[in-house]
């Protein structure tokens, strides 16, 4: 009997020691590479308005992305010729069946051009705020050639009125340039619900847009017009992006942004005409506040790799970029070459496809 009592006391004492040692033991490192990083991430939480968490094991709170852009640039006010019907008089006014030609609103001469966007970001330790920097570049280039179609005559819109009165049968032009922007944004991505995330952000934008425009008018000799329209600016930018999570890694996203940039225009415009008296050269530099906006929609697919330590997303979308009053070219409205004014409603716009790759770890 005594032997059994001693055995029971020994077992009870051993159990008490094991329980006490477990209670005061130092907890394991949650990011220990031998076990926790290999565990399957548990779903949840499912409360409202909690910080966005894609479910990475041992996240480093850093991400990078790259996007290929295939955009179609276009700009208002680049029409460079008008086809005048000469049924009555060659110099008839008002114009009869006058038709704008070359980069007009209904022109199919706007060409698709490549571009890219690269960036990186990280999540702050406090309340999952994130900081992101992006550089976007889009190439501008398009060519146009027009003729009088066998009837009528062409009038040059970038020539003084007396020079434009010279009959032409064809004309051509090339529009080229570069558009670059740099954005530094601070955002707060969070779950509104389990299947919807919201990310308002604000920050700064710097932009550079350099444009060159060369028009050639062909009479008995060649007449040329050269135009440089350069702009740089810095200012404030606000953006909003949302994501609808569909399941199986798929989601829809939408984004919009608006910026106001205070910057400077440098304008240079000159003609080389067969009649020296009709040649001109104008230069102008001024500061202005220029607004621009962006819209984008698309679909994404994402998946985890290497034991949930990396999260890769592939995106396909369509984007619209709009810059107001970027065309500051001047056109003539009288026989006096000094009678000229800036092009009205000269907005610059880009629209096209986006193919992106996003890596979070």
Protein backbone atom coordinates (compact mmCIF):
# COMPACT_ATOMS: atom_id res chain seq x y z
CA UNK A 1 0.00 0.00 0.00
CA UNK A 2 2.83 2.37 0.92
CA UNK A 3 4.53 1.59 -2.37
CA UNK A 4 1.40 2.60 -4.36
CA UNK A 5 1.03 5.85 -2.39
CA UNK A 6 4.66 6.70 -3.06
CA UNK A 7 4.20 6.03 -6.80
CA UNK A 8 1.08 8.21 -6.98
CA UNK A 9 2.82 11.06 -5.18
CA UNK A 10 5.80 10.81 -7.52
CA UNK A 11 3.59 10.94 -10.64
CA UNK A 12 1.61 13.88 -9.25
CA UNK A 13 4.82 15.78 -8.42
CA UNK A 14 6.21 15.18 -11.93
CA UNK A 15 3.01 16.45 -13.55
CA UNK A 16 3.07 19.57 -11.36
CA UNK A 17 6.67 20.33 -12.32
CA UNK A 18 5.93 19.93 -16.07
CA UNK A 19 2.87 22.21 -15.84
CA UNK A 20 4.81 24.91 -13.95
CA UNK A 21 7.71 24.84 -16.40
CA UNK A 22 5.31 25.21 -19.33
CA UNK A 23 3.52 28.15 -17.73
CA UNK A 24 6.69 30.19 -17.20
CA UNK A 25 8.50 29.14 -20.42
CA UNK A 26 9.60 31.84 -22.88
CA UNK A 27 7.25 31.77 -25.90
CA UNK A 28 8.69 30.83 -29.28
CA UNK A 29 9.59 33.45 -31.84
CA UNK A 30 6.51 33.78 -34.10
CA UNK A 31 8.80 34.09 -37.11
CA UNK A 32 11.04 31.15 -36.24
CA UNK A 33 11.97 29.65 -39.64
CA UNK A 34 11.73 26.03 -38.50
CA UNK A 35 8.02 25.84 -37.77
CA UNK A 36 5.85 28.98 -37.87
CA UNK A 37 6.78 29.96 -41.43
CA UNK A 38 5.75 26.54 -42.63
CA UNK A 39 2.32 26.65 -41.05
CA UNK A 40 -0.80 27.33 -43.09
CA UNK A 41 -2.14 30.84 -42.49
CA UNK A 42 -5.48 30.85 -40.72
CA UNK A 43 -8.38 32.80 -42.27
CA UNK A 44 -9.58 35.96 -40.63
CA UNK A 45 -10.13 38.25 -38.92
CA UNK A 46 -13.41 39.19 -40.55
CA UNK A 47 -14.20 42.41 -38.69
CA UNK A 48 -14.90 45.65 -40.52
CA UNK A 49 -12.19 48.24 -41.29
CA UNK A 50 -9.12 46.27 -40.26
CA UNK A 51 -5.71 46.81 -41.92
CA UNK A 52 -5.13 44.97 -45.17
CA UNK A 53 -3.20 41.73 -44.69
CA UNK A 54 -2.65 39.35 -47.60
CA UNK A 55 -1.67 36.55 -45.17
CA UNK A 56 2.09 36.29 -45.66
CA UNK A 57 4.12 34.16 -43.25
CA UNK A 58 6.80 36.31 -41.57
CA UNK A 59 6.20 39.36 -43.84
CA UNK A 60 9.04 41.81 -44.47
CA UNK A 61 6.43 44.49 -45.27
CA UNK A 62 8.03 45.41 -48.60
CA UNK A 63 6.79 45.20 -52.20
CA UNK A 64 7.90 46.05 -55.74
CA UNK A 65 6.01 46.22 -59.03
CA UNK A 66 6.55 46.78 -62.73
CA UNK A 67 3.96 47.57 -65.42
CA UNK A 68 4.14 47.70 -69.20
CA UNK A 69 1.94 50.38 -70.78
CA UNK A 70 0.70 50.35 -74.37
CA UNK A 71 -0.95 53.74 -74.81
CA UNK A 72 -2.37 55.93 -77.57
CA UNK A 73 -1.40 59.61 -77.07
CA UNK A 74 -3.55 62.35 -78.62
CA UNK A 75 -3.76 66.12 -78.30
CA UNK A 76 -6.27 68.74 -79.32
CA UNK A 77 -5.27 71.64 -81.54
CA UNK A 78 -2.76 69.82 -83.75
CA UNK A 79 -4.86 70.12 -86.94
CA UNK A 80 -2.46 71.68 -89.43
CA UNK A 81 -4.42 72.01 -92.71
CA UNK A 82 -7.90 72.66 -94.01
CA UNK A 83 -9.23 71.47 -97.37
CA UNK A 84 -11.11 74.36 -99.04
CA UNK A 85 -13.74 73.65 -101.67
CA UNK A 86 -13.07 76.01 -104.61
CA UNK A 87 -16.44 75.63 -106.32
CA UNK A 88 -17.03 79.38 -106.10
CA UNK A 89 -13.78 81.26 -105.60
CA UNK A 90 -10.41 79.97 -104.52
CA UNK A 91 -10.37 82.54 -101.72
CA UNK A 92 -14.07 82.30 -100.86
CA UNK A 93 -15.14 83.22 -97.34
CA UNK A 94 -16.91 81.92 -95.40
CA UNK A 95 -15.50 78.49 -96.20
CA UNK A 96 -17.66 76.13 -98.20
CA UNK A 97 -17.30 72.49 -97.15
CA UNK A 98 -13.99 73.27 -95.47
CA UNK A 99 -12.62 70.10 -93.86
CA UNK A 100 -9.97 69.98 -91.17
CA UNK A 101 -7.22 67.48 -91.91
CA UNK A 102 -4.31 66.00 -90.02
CA UNK A 103 -4.64 64.98 -86.34
CA UNK A 104 -8.23 66.22 -86.22
CA UNK A 105 -10.76 64.94 -83.70
CA UNK A 106 -11.83 62.09 -85.99
CA UNK A 107 -8.30 61.28 -87.12
CA UNK A 108 -7.06 57.69 -87.12
CA UNK A 109 -3.44 58.83 -87.23
CA UNK A 110 -2.78 58.66 -83.48
CA UNK A 111 -0.29 55.82 -82.98
CA UNK A 112 0.02 53.34 -80.10
CA UNK A 113 3.26 53.76 -78.18
CA UNK A 114 4.99 51.87 -75.34
CA UNK A 115 5.58 53.04 -71.81
CA UNK A 116 6.24 51.65 -68.36
CA UNK A 117 5.68 52.18 -64.65
CA UNK A 118 8.04 50.90 -61.94
CA UNK A 119 7.83 51.38 -58.21
CA UNK A 120 8.34 50.07 -54.72
CA UNK A 121 6.72 50.51 -51.32
CA UNK A 122 6.71 49.38 -47.72
CA UNK A 123 4.29 49.15 -44.79
CA UNK A 124 5.01 51.17 -41.66
CA UNK A 125 5.09 49.44 -38.29
CA UNK A 126 2.34 51.69 -36.96
CA UNK A 127 -1.20 50.86 -38.07
CA UNK A 128 -0.12 49.43 -41.48
CA UNK A 129 0.29 52.76 -43.30
CA UNK A 130 2.22 52.34 -46.53
CA UNK A 131 4.63 54.58 -48.46
CA UNK A 132 5.00 54.09 -52.23
CA UNK A 133 7.12 55.67 -54.99
CA UNK A 134 6.37 55.28 -58.74
CA UNK A 135 8.00 56.45 -61.96
CA UNK A 136 5.86 56.45 -65.13
CA UNK A 137 7.11 57.06 -68.67
CA UNK A 138 5.12 57.20 -71.95
CA UNK A 139 6.56 57.76 -75.41
CA UNK A 140 4.86 60.19 -77.82
CA UNK A 141 5.21 59.79 -81.57
CA UNK A 142 2.76 60.01 -84.49
CA UNK A 143 3.01 60.87 -88.20
CA UNK A 144 0.40 62.33 -90.52
CA UNK A 145 0.15 63.11 -94.23
CA UNK A 146 -2.80 64.78 -96.01
CA UNK A 147 -3.72 65.86 -99.53
CA UNK A 148 -6.51 67.84 -101.15
CA UNK A 149 -8.13 64.64 -102.41
CA UNK A 150 -7.97 65.82 -106.01
CA UNK A 151 -10.36 68.76 -105.51
CA UNK A 152 -9.95 72.07 -103.74
CA UNK A 153 -6.78 73.40 -102.16
CA UNK A 154 -5.09 73.00 -98.79
CA UNK A 155 -4.56 75.94 -96.44
CA UNK A 156 -1.86 75.79 -93.76
CA UNK A 157 -3.23 76.51 -90.28
CA UNK A 158 0.20 77.16 -88.74
CA UNK A 159 1.16 79.69 -91.42
CA UNK A 160 0.26 83.39 -91.44
CA UNK A 161 -2.89 84.10 -93.45
CA UNK A 162 -1.06 85.47 -96.49
CA UNK A 163 1.24 82.46 -96.61
CA UNK A 164 -1.67 80.10 -96.01
CA UNK A 165 -3.39 81.52 -99.11
CA UNK A 166 -0.77 79.80 -101.24
CA UNK A 167 -2.31 76.72 -102.89
CA UNK A 168 -0.98 73.36 -101.70
CA UNK A 169 -1.76 69.83 -102.78
CA UNK A 170 -0.30 67.97 -99.77
CA UNK A 171 1.24 68.47 -96.33
CA UNK A 172 2.68 66.29 -93.57
CA UNK A 173 3.64 66.51 -89.91
CA UNK A 174 5.34 64.60 -87.08
CA UNK A 175 4.37 64.90 -83.39
CA UNK A 176 6.88 63.46 -80.91
CA UNK A 177 7.87 63.78 -77.28
CA UNK A 178 8.13 62.21 -73.83
CA UNK A 179 5.90 62.22 -70.76
CA UNK A 180 7.37 61.32 -67.35
CA UNK A 181 5.91 61.52 -63.84
CA UNK A 182 7.30 60.73 -60.39
CA UNK A 183 4.85 60.07 -57.52
CA UNK A 184 5.51 59.68 -53.80
CA UNK A 185 2.34 58.64 -51.96
CA UNK A 186 1.27 57.75 -48.41
CA UNK A 187 -1.78 55.47 -48.13
CA UNK A 188 -3.92 53.53 -45.68
CA UNK A 189 -5.08 50.21 -47.23
CA UNK A 190 -7.75 48.46 -45.17
CA UNK A 191 -10.58 45.95 -45.44
CA UNK A 192 -14.05 47.48 -45.50
CA UNK A 193 -15.34 43.89 -45.54
CA UNK A 194 -13.88 40.47 -46.14
CA UNK A 195 -14.22 40.85 -49.93
CA UNK A 196 -13.60 44.59 -50.42
CA UNK A 197 -10.47 46.64 -49.71
CA UNK A 198 -10.07 50.40 -49.83
CA UNK A 199 -6.88 52.44 -50.16
CA UNK A 200 -7.06 56.26 -50.04
CA UNK A 201 -3.69 57.98 -50.45
CA UNK A 202 -2.14 61.41 -50.83
CA UNK A 203 1.27 62.77 -51.70
CA UNK A 204 3.34 64.62 -54.28
CA UNK A 205 3.80 64.46 -58.04
CA UNK A 206 6.49 65.85 -60.34
CA UNK A 207 5.94 65.83 -64.10
CA UNK A 208 7.90 66.53 -67.29
CA UNK A 209 6.27 66.71 -70.74
CA UNK A 210 8.43 67.62 -73.75
CA UNK A 211 6.72 67.93 -77.15
CA UNK A 212 8.12 68.59 -80.63
CA UNK A 213 5.91 69.31 -83.63
CA UNK A 214 7.17 69.64 -87.23
CA UNK A 215 4.81 70.54 -90.08
CA UNK A 216 5.81 70.56 -93.76
CA UNK A 217 3.72 72.38 -96.38
CA UNK A 218 4.44 71.60 -100.04
CA UNK A 219 3.80 74.25 -102.70
CA UNK A 220 6.35 74.75 -105.47
CA UNK A 221 8.86 74.67 -102.59
CA UNK A 222 8.83 73.19 -99.09
CA UNK A 223 7.69 75.37 -96.16
CA UNK A 224 8.43 74.22 -92.60
CA UNK A 225 7.04 75.03 -89.16
CA UNK A 226 8.81 73.87 -85.99
CA UNK A 227 7.24 73.92 -82.55
CA UNK A 228 8.65 73.06 -79.11
CA UNK A 229 6.18 72.83 -76.23
CA UNK A 230 7.95 71.83 -72.98
CA UNK A 231 6.49 71.72 -69.47
CA UNK A 232 7.66 70.74 -65.99
CA UNK A 233 5.79 71.00 -62.73
CA UNK A 234 5.45 69.82 -59.12
CA UNK A 235 2.41 69.69 -56.87
CA UNK A 236 -0.04 67.74 -54.76
CA UNK A 237 -1.75 64.48 -55.73
CA UNK A 238 -4.64 62.52 -54.24
CA UNK A 239 -5.63 58.97 -55.22
CA UNK A 240 -8.05 56.20 -54.35
CA UNK A 241 -7.88 52.49 -55.20
CA UNK A 242 -10.37 49.74 -54.38
CA UNK A 243 -10.33 45.97 -54.85
CA UNK A 244 -13.22 43.49 -55.11
CA UNK A 245 -12.00 40.04 -54.06
CA UNK A 246 -13.73 37.27 -56.04
CA UNK A 247 -12.00 34.16 -54.67
CA UNK A 248 -9.51 31.63 -56.07
CA UNK A 249 -6.98 34.45 -56.29
CA UNK A 250 -9.04 36.62 -58.69
CA UNK A 251 -10.13 40.20 -58.05
CA UNK A 252 -11.34 43.35 -59.81
CA UNK A 253 -9.71 46.69 -59.09
CA UNK A 254 -10.41 50.32 -59.86
CA UNK A 255 -8.34 53.44 -59.25
CA UNK A 256 -8.52 57.17 -59.79
CA UNK A 257 -6.20 60.09 -59.07
CA UNK A 258 -6.10 63.86 -59.45
CA UNK A 259 -3.15 66.25 -59.24
CA UNK A 260 -2.46 69.98 -59.51
CA UNK A 261 1.05 70.89 -60.66
CA UNK A 262 2.59 74.33 -60.48
CA UNK A 263 5.10 74.51 -63.30
CA UNK A 264 6.63 76.31 -66.24
CA UNK A 265 6.03 76.26 -69.99
CA UNK A 266 8.83 76.96 -72.46
CA UNK A 267 7.42 77.59 -75.93
CA UNK A 268 9.30 78.10 -79.21
CA UNK A 269 7.63 78.30 -82.63
CA UNK A 270 9.06 79.37 -85.98
CA UNK A 271 8.48 79.01 -89.72
CA UNK A 272 10.78 78.80 -92.71
CA UNK A 273 8.89 80.13 -95.70
CA UNK A 274 9.81 80.63 -99.35
CA UNK A 275 8.74 84.25 -98.88
CA UNK A 276 11.11 85.69 -96.29
CA UNK A 277 8.62 88.41 -95.33
CA UNK A 278 6.20 85.70 -94.14
CA UNK A 279 8.65 83.93 -91.87
CA UNK A 280 8.11 84.26 -88.13
CA UNK A 281 9.56 83.18 -84.82
CA UNK A 282 7.85 83.34 -81.42
CA UNK A 283 9.11 82.41 -77.96
CA UNK A 284 7.35 82.43 -74.62
CA UNK A 285 7.96 81.23 -71.06
CA UNK A 286 5.41 81.42 -68.26
CA UNK A 287 4.29 79.72 -65.05
CA UNK A 288 0.89 78.13 -64.59
CA UNK A 289 -1.07 75.59 -62.53
CA UNK A 290 -1.89 72.52 -64.63
CA UNK A 291 -4.46 69.88 -63.56
CA UNK A 292 -4.28 66.22 -64.59
CA UNK A 293 -6.29 63.11 -63.77
CA UNK A 294 -6.09 59.32 -64.15
CA UNK A 295 -8.61 56.48 -64.22
CA UNK A 296 -7.98 52.74 -64.36
CA UNK A 297 -9.95 49.48 -64.29
CA UNK A 298 -8.74 45.91 -64.48
CA UNK A 299 -8.60 42.34 -63.23
CA UNK A 300 -5.88 40.67 -61.17
CA UNK A 301 -4.87 37.14 -60.17
CA UNK A 302 -2.60 36.40 -57.21
CA UNK A 303 -1.03 33.41 -55.51
CA UNK A 304 1.38 32.51 -52.68
CA UNK A 305 4.79 30.92 -53.20
CA UNK A 306 7.59 29.41 -51.08
CA UNK A 307 5.50 28.43 -48.06
CA UNK A 308 3.42 31.64 -48.12
CA UNK A 309 6.47 33.89 -47.84
CA UNK A 310 5.91 35.57 -51.25
CA UNK A 311 2.72 36.93 -52.78
CA UNK A 312 2.71 37.47 -56.57
CA UNK A 313 -0.05 39.32 -58.47
CA UNK A 314 -0.56 39.61 -62.24
CA UNK A 315 -2.73 42.51 -63.47
CA UNK A 316 -4.34 43.45 -66.79
CA UNK A 317 -6.19 46.74 -67.07
CA UNK A 318 -7.13 49.78 -69.14
CA UNK A 319 -6.14 53.32 -68.16
CA UNK A 320 -7.00 56.92 -69.07
CA UNK A 321 -4.62 59.84 -68.40
CA UNK A 322 -5.69 63.43 -69.10
CA UNK A 323 -3.67 66.66 -68.95
CA UNK A 324 -5.60 69.90 -69.42
CA UNK A 325 -4.37 72.78 -71.65
CA UNK A 326 -1.01 71.27 -72.55
CA UNK A 327 -0.98 72.52 -76.15
CA UNK A 328 0.25 76.12 -76.07
CA UNK A 329 0.89 76.47 -79.82
CA UNK A 330 -0.20 79.66 -81.57
CA UNK A 331 -2.28 80.00 -84.74
CA UNK A 332 -2.96 83.02 -86.95
CA UNK A 333 -6.29 84.69 -87.67
CA UNK A 334 -5.31 87.70 -89.82
CA UNK A 335 -2.97 88.66 -92.65
CA UNK A 336 -0.78 90.37 -90.05
CA UNK A 337 1.57 87.69 -88.61
CA UNK A 338 1.36 89.38 -85.19
CA UNK A 339 -2.37 88.58 -85.01
CA UNK A 340 -2.23 85.18 -83.34
CA UNK A 341 -3.44 83.44 -80.22
CA UNK A 342 -2.93 80.21 -78.28
CA UNK A 343 -4.77 77.05 -79.33
CA UNK A 344 -8.04 76.64 -77.44
CA UNK A 345 -8.88 73.42 -75.56
CA UNK A 346 -5.44 71.93 -76.23
CA UNK A 347 -5.79 68.94 -73.88
CA UNK A 348 -3.29 66.06 -73.94
CA UNK A 349 -4.60 62.55 -73.23
CA UNK A 350 -3.38 58.96 -73.10
CA UNK A 351 -5.46 55.80 -73.07
CA UNK A 352 -4.47 52.18 -73.39
CA UNK A 353 -3.61 48.86 -71.82
CA UNK A 354 -1.61 48.04 -68.71
CA UNK A 355 0.09 44.68 -67.99
CA UNK A 356 1.56 44.51 -64.49
CA UNK A 357 3.47 42.23 -62.09
CA UNK A 358 3.40 42.86 -58.32
CA UNK A 359 5.61 41.08 -55.77
CA UNK A 360 5.00 41.38 -52.03
CA UNK A 361 7.22 39.80 -49.38
